Amino acid sequence: MSSAAAGTALTPAAAAAVYDQLVSAAVGAAGAALAIALAVAAGAWLAGQSARAAALRRAWSRWGLRRAAADESSD
C-alpha cells in the first residue's frame, strides 16, 4: 500500500457521519415515497366504483355546487 493511500482512511467519527447522512437521506426518501403512494391510493379509491367512493364524490360535488352558488350570490 502506498503512503498516499494510507492517509485516505476514514476515522470512525467520519464514517459514522457519512452513514448518518446516507441513512437520513434514505429515510426522507422513503417517507416521501410513502406519502406519494398514499395520495395515489386515495385517488384511485375515489375514482373507483365502490358505493362509499361514489357517495363521497356525490357529496363533494354537491358541496362544491352549494359553495359556487353561495359565491355567486355574494357578488
PDB file of N, CA and C in Angstrom:
ATOM      1  N   MET A   1       0.859  -1.173   0.000  1.00  0.00           N
ATOM      2  CA  MET A   1       0.000   0.000   0.000  1.00  0.00           C
ATOM      3  C   MET A   1       0.894   1.222   0.000  1.00  0.00           C
ATOM      4  N   SER A   2       0.571   2.204  -0.856  1.00  0.00           N
ATOM      5  CA  SER A   2       1.387   3.407  -0.942  1.00  0.00           C
ATOM      6  C   SER A   2       1.088   4.345   0.213  1.00  0.00           C
ATOM      7  N   SER A   3       1.965   5.297   0.420  1.00  0.00           N
ATOM      8  CA  SER A   3       1.760   6.238   1.515  1.00  0.00           C
ATOM      9  C   SER A   3       0.586   7.170   1.223  1.00  0.00           C
ATOM     10  N   ALA A   4       0.260   7.411  -0.045  1.00  0.00           N
ATOM     11  CA  ALA A   4      -0.881   8.266  -0.400  1.00  0.00           C
ATOM     12  C   ALA A   4      -2.189   7.567  -0.046  1.00  0.00           C
ATOM     13  N   ALA A   5      -2.261   6.271  -0.270  1.00  0.00           N
ATOM     14  CA  ALA A   5      -3.472   5.527   0.038  1.00  0.00           C
ATOM     15  C   ALA A   5      -3.638   5.345   1.535  1.00  0.00           C
ATOM     16  N   ALA A   6      -2.566   5.308   2.275  1.00  0.00           N
ATOM     17  CA  ALA A   6      -2.645   5.099   3.716  1.00  0.00           C
ATOM     18  C   ALA A   6      -3.303   6.280   4.413  1.00  0.00           C
ATOM     19  N   GLY A   7      -3.173   7.474   3.887  1.00  0.00           N
ATOM     20  CA  GLY A   7      -3.744   8.662   4.532  1.00  0.00           C
ATOM     21  C   GLY A   7      -5.212   8.898   4.198  1.00  0.00           C
ATOM     22  N   THR A   8      -5.823   8.049   3.400  1.00  0.00           N
ATOM     23  CA  THR A   8      -7.209   8.285   2.982  1.00  0.00           C
ATOM     24  C   THR A   8      -8.231   7.506   3.805  1.00  0.00           C
ATOM     25  N   ALA A   9      -7.829   6.786   4.808  1.00  0.00           N
ATOM     26  CA  ALA A   9      -8.766   6.007   5.623  1.00  0.00           C
ATOM     27  C   ALA A   9      -9.639   6.951   6.440  1.00  0.00           C
ATOM     28  N   LEU A  10     -10.910   6.608   6.574  1.00  0.00           N
ATOM     29  CA  LEU A  10     -11.838   7.416   7.363  1.00  0.00           C
ATOM     30  C   LEU A  10     -11.679   7.098   8.840  1.00  0.00           C
ATOM     31  N   THR A  11     -11.808   8.115   9.638  1.00  0.00           N
ATOM     32  CA  THR A  11     -11.847   7.882  11.077  1.00  0.00           C
ATOM     33  C   THR A  11     -13.225   7.332  11.432  1.00  0.00           C
ATOM     34  N   PRO A  12     -13.359   6.687  12.566  1.00  0.00           N
ATOM     35  CA  PRO A  12     -14.688   6.179  12.951  1.00  0.00           C
ATOM     36  C   PRO A  12     -15.737   7.287  13.039  1.00  0.00           C
ATOM     37  N   ALA A  13     -15.373   8.458  13.478  1.00  0.00           N
ATOM     38  CA  ALA A  13     -16.336   9.561  13.566  1.00  0.00           C
ATOM     39  C   ALA A  13     -16.775  10.004  12.173  1.00  0.00           C
ATOM     40  N   ALA A  14     -15.822  10.057  11.236  1.00  0.00           N
ATOM     41  CA  ALA A  14     -16.168  10.453   9.873  1.00  0.00           C
ATOM     42  C   ALA A  14     -17.040   9.393   9.213  1.00  0.00           C
ATOM     43  N   ALA A  15     -16.731   8.132   9.437  1.00  0.00           N
ATOM     44  CA  ALA A  15     -17.540   7.051   8.878  1.00  0.00           C
ATOM     45  C   ALA A  15     -18.956   7.099   9.440  1.00  0.00           C
ATOM     46  N   ALA A  16     -19.078   7.375  10.741  1.00  0.00           N
ATOM     47  CA  ALA A  16     -20.405   7.482  11.356  1.00  0.00           C
ATOM     48  C   ALA A  16     -21.184   8.658  10.770  1.00  0.00           C
ATOM     49  N   ALA A  17     -20.506   9.764  10.496  1.00  0.00           N
ATOM     50  CA  ALA A  17     -21.176  10.927   9.912  1.00  0.00           C
ATOM     51  C   ALA A  17     -21.678  10.619   8.506  1.00  0.00           C
ATOM     52  N   VAL A  18     -20.863   9.929   7.717  1.00  0.00           N
ATOM     53  CA  VAL A  18     -21.276   9.547   6.356  1.00  0.00           C
ATOM     54  C   VAL A  18     -22.472   8.603   6.427  1.00  0.00           C
ATOM     55  N   TYR A  19     -22.409   7.618   7.308  1.00  0.00           N
ATOM     56  CA  TYR A  19     -23.511   6.662   7.474  1.00  0.00           C
ATOM     57  C   TYR A  19     -24.787   7.389   7.890  1.00  0.00           C
ATOM     58  N   ASP A  20     -24.673   8.295   8.850  1.00  0.00           N
ATOM     59  CA  ASP A  20     -25.851   9.042   9.316  1.00  0.00           C
ATOM     60  C   ASP A  20     -26.473   9.851   8.189  1.00  0.00           C
ATOM     61  N   GLN A  21     -25.666  10.459   7.346  1.00  0.00           N
ATOM     62  CA  GLN A  21     -26.182  11.234   6.223  1.00  0.00           C
ATOM     63  C   GLN A  21     -26.902  10.338   5.224  1.00  0.00           C
ATOM     64  N   LEU A  22     -26.310   9.184   4.929  1.00  0.00           N
ATOM     65  CA  LEU A  22     -26.941   8.265   3.973  1.00  0.00           C
ATOM     66  C   LEU A  22     -28.257   7.716   4.513  1.00  0.00           C
ATOM     67  N   VAL A  23     -28.283   7.339   5.773  1.00  0.00           N
ATOM     68  CA  VAL A  23     -29.498   6.805   6.372  1.00  0.00           C
ATOM     69  C   VAL A  23     -30.568   7.889   6.454  1.00  0.00           C
ATOM     70  N   SER A  24     -30.164   9.102   6.792  1.00  0.00           N
ATOM     71  CA  SER A  24     -31.119  10.209   6.869  1.00  0.00           C
ATOM     72  C   SER A  24     -31.760  10.470   5.505  1.00  0.00           C
ATOM     73  N   ALA A  25     -30.937  10.453   4.462  1.00  0.00           N
ATOM     74  CA  ALA A  25     -31.476  10.656   3.113  1.00  0.00           C
ATOM     75  C   ALA A  25     -32.411   9.521   2.717  1.00  0.00           C
ATOM     76  N   ALA A  26     -32.057   8.291   3.071  1.00  0.00           N
ATOM     77  CA  ALA A  26     -32.900   7.145   2.728  1.00  0.00           C
ATOM     78  C   ALA A  26     -34.237   7.210   3.463  1.00  0.00           C
ATOM     79  N   VAL A  27     -34.211   7.615   4.718  1.00  0.00           N
ATOM     80  CA  VAL A  27     -35.452   7.719   5.490  1.00  0.00           C
ATOM     81  C   VAL A  27     -36.338   8.826   4.908  1.00  0.00           C
ATOM     82  N   GLY A  28     -35.744   9.939   4.540  1.00  0.00           N
ATOM     83  CA  GLY A  28     -36.514  11.023   3.928  1.00  0.00           C
ATOM     84  C   GLY A  28     -37.138  10.608   2.609  1.00  0.00           C
ATOM     85  N   ALA A  29     -36.374   9.893   1.785  1.00  0.00           N
ATOM     86  CA  ALA A  29     -36.901   9.423   0.503  1.00  0.00           C
ATOM     87  C   ALA A  29     -38.017   8.407   0.712  1.00  0.00           C
ATOM     88  N   ALA A  30     -37.865   7.538   1.701  1.00  0.00           N
ATOM     89  CA  ALA A  30     -38.907   6.548   1.978  1.00  0.00           C
ATOM     90  C   ALA A  30     -40.185   7.232   2.460  1.00  0.00           C
ATOM     91  N   GLY A  31     -40.048   8.261   3.282  1.00  0.00           N
ATOM     92  CA  GLY A  31     -41.228   8.996   3.743  1.00  0.00           C
ATOM     93  C   GLY A  31     -41.940   9.691   2.598  1.00  0.00           C
ATOM     94  N   ALA A  32     -41.175  10.295   1.689  1.00  0.00           N
ATOM     95  CA  ALA A  32     -41.781  10.953   0.537  1.00  0.00           C
ATOM     96  C   ALA A  32     -42.476   9.935  -0.369  1.00  0.00           C
ATOM     97  N   ALA A  33     -41.844   8.788  -0.577  1.00  0.00           N
ATOM     98  CA  ALA A  33     -42.451   7.745  -1.408  1.00  0.00           C
ATOM     99  C   ALA A  33     -43.740   7.229  -0.775  1.00  0.00           C
ATOM    100  N   LEU A  34     -43.749   7.096   0.536  1.00  0.00           N
ATOM    101  CA  LEU A  34     -44.963   6.640   1.229  1.00  0.00           C
ATOM    102  C   LEU A  34     -46.086   7.662   1.090  1.00  0.00           C
ATOM    103  N   ALA A  35     -45.760   8.937   1.237  1.00  0.00           N
ATOM    104  CA  ALA A  35     -46.779   9.977   1.096  1.00  0.00           C
ATOM    105  C   ALA A  35     -47.366   9.988  -0.317  1.00  0.00           C
ATOM    106  N   ILE A  36     -46.515   9.854  -1.320  1.00  0.00           N
ATOM    107  CA  ILE A  36     -46.993   9.820  -2.703  1.00  0.00           C
ATOM    108  C   ILE A  36     -47.846   8.578  -2.942  1.00  0.00           C
ATOM    109  N   ALA A  37     -47.412   7.439  -2.408  1.00  0.00           N
ATOM    110  CA  ALA A  37     -48.175   6.196  -2.583  1.00  0.00           C
ATOM    111  C   ALA A  37     -49.553   6.302  -1.935  1.00  0.00           C
ATOM    112  N   LEU A  38     -49.621   6.914  -0.766  1.00  0.00           N
ATOM    113  CA  LEU A  38     -50.921   7.082  -0.105  1.00  0.00           C
ATOM    114  C   LEU A  38     -51.828   8.022  -0.899  1.00  0.00           C
ATOM    115  N   ALA A  39     -51.268   9.087  -1.455  1.00  0.00           N
ATOM    116  CA  ALA A  39     -52.069  10.012  -2.255  1.00  0.00           C
ATOM    117  C   ALA A  39     -52.602   9.326  -3.518  1.00  0.00           C
ATOM    118  N   VAL A  40     -51.765   8.527  -4.165  1.00  0.00           N
ATOM    119  CA  VAL A  40     -52.198   7.801  -5.367  1.00  0.00           C
ATOM    120  C   VAL A  40     -53.266   6.769  -5.006  1.00  0.00           C
ATOM    121  N   ALA A  41     -53.077   6.080  -3.889  1.00  0.00           N
ATOM    122  CA  ALA A  41     -54.067   5.081  -3.472  1.00  0.00           C
ATOM    123  C   ALA A  41     -55.402   5.743  -3.147  1.00  0.00           C
ATOM    124  N   ALA A  42     -55.378   6.888  -2.484  1.00  0.00           N
ATOM    125  CA  ALA A  42     -56.621   7.598  -2.175  1.00  0.00           C
ATOM    126  C   ALA A  42     -57.313   8.064  -3.457  1.00  0.00           C
ATOM    127  N   GLY A  43     -56.544   8.570  -4.406  1.00  0.00           N
ATOM    128  CA  GLY A  43     -57.122   8.989  -5.678  1.00  0.00           C
ATOM    129  C   GLY A  43     -57.715   7.826  -6.445  1.00  0.00           C
ATOM    130  N   ALA A  44     -57.023   6.697  -6.426  1.00  0.00           N
ATOM    131  CA  ALA A  44     -57.542   5.513  -7.116  1.00  0.00           C
ATOM    132  C   ALA A  44     -58.819   5.016  -6.451  1.00  0.00           C
ATOM    133  N   TRP A  45     -58.856   5.057  -5.128  1.00  0.00           N
ATOM    134  CA  TRP A  45     -60.062   4.627  -4.423  1.00  0.00           C
ATOM    135  C   TRP A  45     -61.226   5.564  -4.739  1.00  0.00           C
ATOM    136  N   LEU A  46     -60.955   6.872  -4.748  1.00  0.00           N
ATOM    137  CA  LEU A  46     -62.020   7.834  -5.059  1.00  0.00           C
ATOM    138  C   LEU A  46     -62.532   7.686  -6.485  1.00  0.00           C
ATOM    139  N   ALA A  47     -61.665   7.271  -7.391  1.00  0.00           N
ATOM    140  CA  ALA A  47     -62.075   7.102  -8.787  1.00  0.00           C
ATOM    141  C   ALA A  47     -62.762   5.759  -9.029  1.00  0.00           C
ATOM    142  N   GLY A  48     -62.752   4.894  -8.039  1.00  0.00           N
ATOM    143  CA  GLY A  48     -63.308   3.552  -8.193  1.00  0.00           C
ATOM    144  C   GLY A  48     -64.827   3.518  -8.159  1.00  0.00           C
ATOM    145  N   GLN A  49     -65.361   2.302  -8.240  1.00  0.00           N
ATOM    146  CA  GLN A  49     -66.796   2.113  -8.340  1.00  0.00           C
ATOM    147  C   GLN A  49     -67.454   1.690  -7.035  1.00  0.00           C
ATOM    148  N   SER A  50     -66.742   1.743  -5.919  1.00  0.00           N
ATOM    149  CA  SER A  50     -67.359   1.319  -4.665  1.00  0.00           C
ATOM    150  C   SER A  50     -68.455   2.303  -4.271  1.00  0.00           C
ATOM    151  N   ALA A  51     -69.413   1.812  -3.510  1.00  0.00           N
ATOM    152  CA  ALA A  51     -70.539   2.652  -3.095  1.00  0.00           C
ATOM    153  C   ALA A  51     -70.068   3.820  -2.238  1.00  0.00           C
ATOM    154  N   ARG A  52     -69.120   3.561  -1.359  1.00  0.00           N
ATOM    155  CA  ARG A  52     -68.625   4.647  -0.498  1.00  0.00           C
ATOM    156  C   ARG A  52     -67.904   5.717  -1.298  1.00  0.00           C
ATOM    157  N   ALA A  53     -67.103   5.315  -2.277  1.00  0.00           N
ATOM    158  CA  ALA A  53     -66.394   6.285  -3.109  1.00  0.00           C
ATOM    159  C   ALA A  53     -67.391   7.121  -3.913  1.00  0.00           C
ATOM    160  N   ALA A  54     -68.398   6.468  -4.474  1.00  0.00           N
ATOM    161  CA  ALA A  54     -69.411   7.193  -5.250  1.00  0.00           C
ATOM    162  C   ALA A  54     -70.186   8.152  -4.360  1.00  0.00           C
ATOM    163  N   ALA A  55     -70.510   7.734  -3.139  1.00  0.00           N
ATOM    164  CA  ALA A  55     -71.230   8.615  -2.214  1.00  0.00           C
ATOM    165  C   ALA A  55     -70.376   9.813  -1.837  1.00  0.00           C
ATOM    166  N   LEU A  56     -69.090   9.579  -1.629  1.00  0.00           N
ATOM    167  CA  LEU A  56     -68.198  10.692  -1.289  1.00  0.00           C
ATOM    168  C   LEU A  56     -68.068  11.658  -2.465  1.00  0.00           C
ATOM    169  N   ARG A  57     -67.978  11.123  -3.687  1.00  0.00           N
ATOM    170  CA  ARG A  57     -67.904  12.012  -4.857  1.00  0.00           C
ATOM    171  C   ARG A  57     -69.177  12.823  -5.011  1.00  0.00           C
ATOM    172  N   ARG A  58     -70.353  12.203  -4.792  1.00  0.00           N
ATOM    173  CA  ARG A  58     -71.619  12.941  -4.881  1.00  0.00           C
ATOM    174  C   ARG A  58     -71.684  14.039  -3.825  1.00  0.00           C
ATOM    175  N   ALA A  59     -71.308  13.711  -2.601  1.00  0.00           N
ATOM    176  CA  ALA A  59     -71.334  14.707  -1.531  1.00  0.00           C
ATOM    177  C   ALA A  59     -70.371  15.846  -1.835  1.00  0.00           C
ATOM    178  N   TRP A  60     -69.217  15.490  -2.368  1.00  0.00           N
ATOM    179  CA  TRP A  60     -68.210  16.500  -2.685  1.00  0.00           C
ATOM    180  C   TRP A  60     -68.720  17.423  -3.794  1.00  0.00           C
ATOM    181  N   SER A  61     -69.369  16.861  -4.797  1.00  0.00           N
ATOM    182  CA  SER A  61     -69.866  17.695  -5.895  1.00  0.00           C
ATOM    183  C   SER A  61     -71.028  18.566  -5.424  1.00  0.00           C
ATOM    184  N   ARG A  62     -71.905  18.032  -4.566  1.00  0.00           N
ATOM    185  CA  ARG A  62     -72.988  18.862  -4.030  1.00  0.00           C
ATOM    186  C   ARG A  62     -72.431  20.012  -3.203  1.00  0.00           C
ATOM    187  N   TRP A  63     -71.422  19.736  -2.391  1.00  0.00           N
ATOM    188  CA  TRP A  63     -70.812  20.787  -1.584  1.00  0.00           C
ATOM    189  C   TRP A  63     -70.175  21.838  -2.484  1.00  0.00           C
ATOM    190  N   GLY A  64     -69.545  21.394  -3.558  1.00  0.00           N
ATOM    191  CA  GLY A  64     -68.921  22.324  -4.492  1.00  0.00           C
ATOM    192  C   GLY A  64     -69.951  23.193  -5.188  1.00  0.00           C
ATOM    193  N   LEU A  65     -71.115  22.604  -5.558  1.00  0.00           N
ATOM    194  CA  LEU A  65     -72.167  23.385  -6.210  1.00  0.00           C
ATOM    195  C   LEU A  65     -72.768  24.391  -5.233  1.00  0.00           C
ATOM    196  N   ARG A  66     -72.969  23.987  -3.991  1.00  0.00           N
ATOM    197  CA  ARG A  66     -73.503  24.907  -2.995  1.00  0.00           C
ATOM    198  C   ARG A  66     -72.534  26.046  -2.749  1.00  0.00           C
ATOM    199  N   ARG A  67     -71.269  25.728  -2.700  1.00  0.00           N
ATOM    200  CA  ARG A  67     -70.266  26.766  -2.459  1.00  0.00           C
ATOM    201  C   ARG A  67     -70.203  27.730  -3.647  1.00  0.00           C
ATOM    202  N   ALA A  68     -70.282  27.197  -4.877  1.00  0.00           N
ATOM    203  CA  ALA A  68     -70.258  28.059  -6.052  1.00  0.00           C
ATOM    204  C   ALA A  68     -71.478  28.968  -6.080  1.00  0.00           C
ATOM    205  N   ALA A  69     -72.648  28.429  -5.710  1.00  0.00           N
ATOM    206  CA  ALA A  69     -73.859  29.246  -5.674  1.00  0.00           C
ATOM    207  C   ALA A  69     -73.743  30.320  -4.594  1.00  0.00           C
ATOM    208  N   ALA A  70     -73.170  29.986  -3.467  1.00  0.00           N
ATOM    209  CA  ALA A  70     -73.004  30.977  -2.411  1.00  0.00           C
ATOM    210  C   ALA A  70     -72.028  32.059  -2.830  1.00  0.00           C
ATOM    211  N   ASP A  71     -70.993  31.692  -3.558  1.00  0.00           N
ATOM    212  CA  ASP A  71     -70.011  32.679  -4.038  1.00  0.00           C
ATOM    213  C   ASP A  71     -70.663  33.614  -5.058  1.00  0.00           C
ATOM    214  N   GLU A  72     -71.524  33.079  -5.934  1.00  0.00           N
ATOM    215  CA  GLU A  72     -72.184  33.905  -6.930  1.00  0.00           C
ATOM    216  C   GLU A  72     -73.179  34.865  -6.279  1.00  0.00           C
ATOM    217  N   SER A  73     -73.872  34.407  -5.261  1.00  0.00           N
ATOM    218  CA  SER A  73     -74.878  35.270  -4.635  1.00  0.00           C
ATOM    219  C   SER A  73     -74.233  36.360  -3.788  1.00  0.00           C
ATOM    220  N   SER A  74     -72.999  36.182  -3.388  1.00  0.00           N
ATOM    221  CA  SER A  74     -72.336  37.205  -2.574  1.00  0.00           C
ATOM    222  C   SER A  74     -71.738  38.298  -3.441  1.00  0.00           C
ATOM    223  N   ASP A  75     -71.699  38.116  -4.759  1.00  0.00           N
ATOM    224  CA  ASP A  75     -71.130  39.148  -5.667  1.00  0.00           C
ATOM    225  C   ASP A  75     -72.030  40.324  -5.833  1.00  0.00           C
TER     226      ASP A  75
END
